[in-house]
Protein backbone atom coordinates (compact mmCIF):
# COMPACT_ATOMS: atom_id res chain seq x y z
CA MET A 1 -13.77 3.58 40.05
CA ALA A 2 -16.98 1.58 40.08
CA THR A 3 -16.96 -1.89 38.60
CA THR A 4 -19.63 -2.95 36.16
CA ASN A 5 -20.93 -6.40 35.69
CA PRO A 6 -20.50 -8.13 32.31
CA LEU A 7 -24.11 -7.48 31.28
CA GLN A 8 -23.79 -3.72 31.84
CA PHE A 9 -20.46 -3.74 30.01
CA ILE A 10 -22.00 -5.43 26.96
CA GLN A 11 -24.91 -2.97 27.01
CA GLN A 12 -22.49 -0.03 27.15
CA VAL A 13 -20.42 -1.45 24.29
CA ARG A 14 -23.53 -1.92 22.15
CA ALA A 15 -24.61 1.66 22.91
CA GLU A 16 -21.19 3.01 21.85
CA VAL A 17 -21.12 0.90 18.67
CA ALA A 18 -24.56 2.23 17.78
CA LYS A 19 -23.08 5.77 17.80
CA VAL A 20 -20.48 4.88 15.17
CA VAL A 21 -21.15 6.36 11.74
CA TRP A 22 -20.13 3.63 9.33
CA PRO A 23 -18.92 4.67 5.86
CA THR A 24 -21.08 3.90 2.86
CA ARG A 25 -19.94 1.51 0.17
CA ARG A 26 -19.29 4.50 -2.14
CA GLU A 27 -17.13 6.23 0.47
CA VAL A 28 -15.07 3.08 0.99
CA PHE A 29 -14.64 2.68 -2.77
CA LEU A 30 -13.57 6.31 -3.28
CA THR A 31 -11.16 6.18 -0.35
CA THR A 32 -9.61 2.97 -1.71
CA VAL A 33 -9.20 4.51 -5.16
CA MET A 34 -7.56 7.60 -3.64
CA VAL A 35 -5.12 5.42 -1.69
CA PHE A 36 -4.10 3.60 -4.87
CA ILE A 37 -3.70 6.90 -6.74
CA MET A 38 -1.58 8.43 -3.97
CA ALA A 39 0.56 5.27 -3.71
CA THR A 40 1.15 5.35 -7.47
CA LEU A 41 2.06 9.05 -7.43
CA THR A 42 4.43 8.48 -4.51
CA ALA A 43 6.10 5.57 -6.30
CA ILE A 44 6.56 7.67 -9.46
CA PHE A 45 7.99 10.56 -7.41
CA PHE A 46 10.55 8.36 -5.65
CA PHE A 47 11.45 6.66 -8.93
CA LEU A 48 12.19 10.05 -10.50
CA VAL A 49 14.17 11.23 -7.47
CA ASP A 50 16.19 8.00 -7.52
CA LEU A 51 16.81 8.40 -11.26
CA LEU A 52 17.97 11.99 -10.76
CA ILE A 53 20.32 11.10 -7.91
CA ARG A 54 21.72 8.10 -9.80
CA SER A 55 22.31 10.16 -12.95
CA GLY A 56 23.94 12.93 -10.93
CA LEU A 57 26.24 10.53 -9.14
CA GLN A 58 27.20 8.72 -12.35
CA GLY A 59 27.99 12.06 -14.00
CA LEU A 60 30.00 13.20 -10.99
CA LEU A 61 31.91 9.95 -10.74
CA GLY A 62 32.46 9.98 -14.51
CA LEU A 63 34.33 13.26 -14.18
CA PHE A 64 36.75 11.82 -11.65
CA GLY A 65 36.93 8.23 -12.84
């Protein structure tokens, strides 16, 4: 493996960074909104599952208690 000097390394890094396709402001905004929507839907889902399990267990324990 050939070693590169620091100047070549920096030039290679700059060349690779130039290839990166950065997201637009609109894309970042839409992605952020989608993350918040999905997090909210996930929270609602787990709340409902928890409510269902709790109600089922209380009903089951009520029969035997």
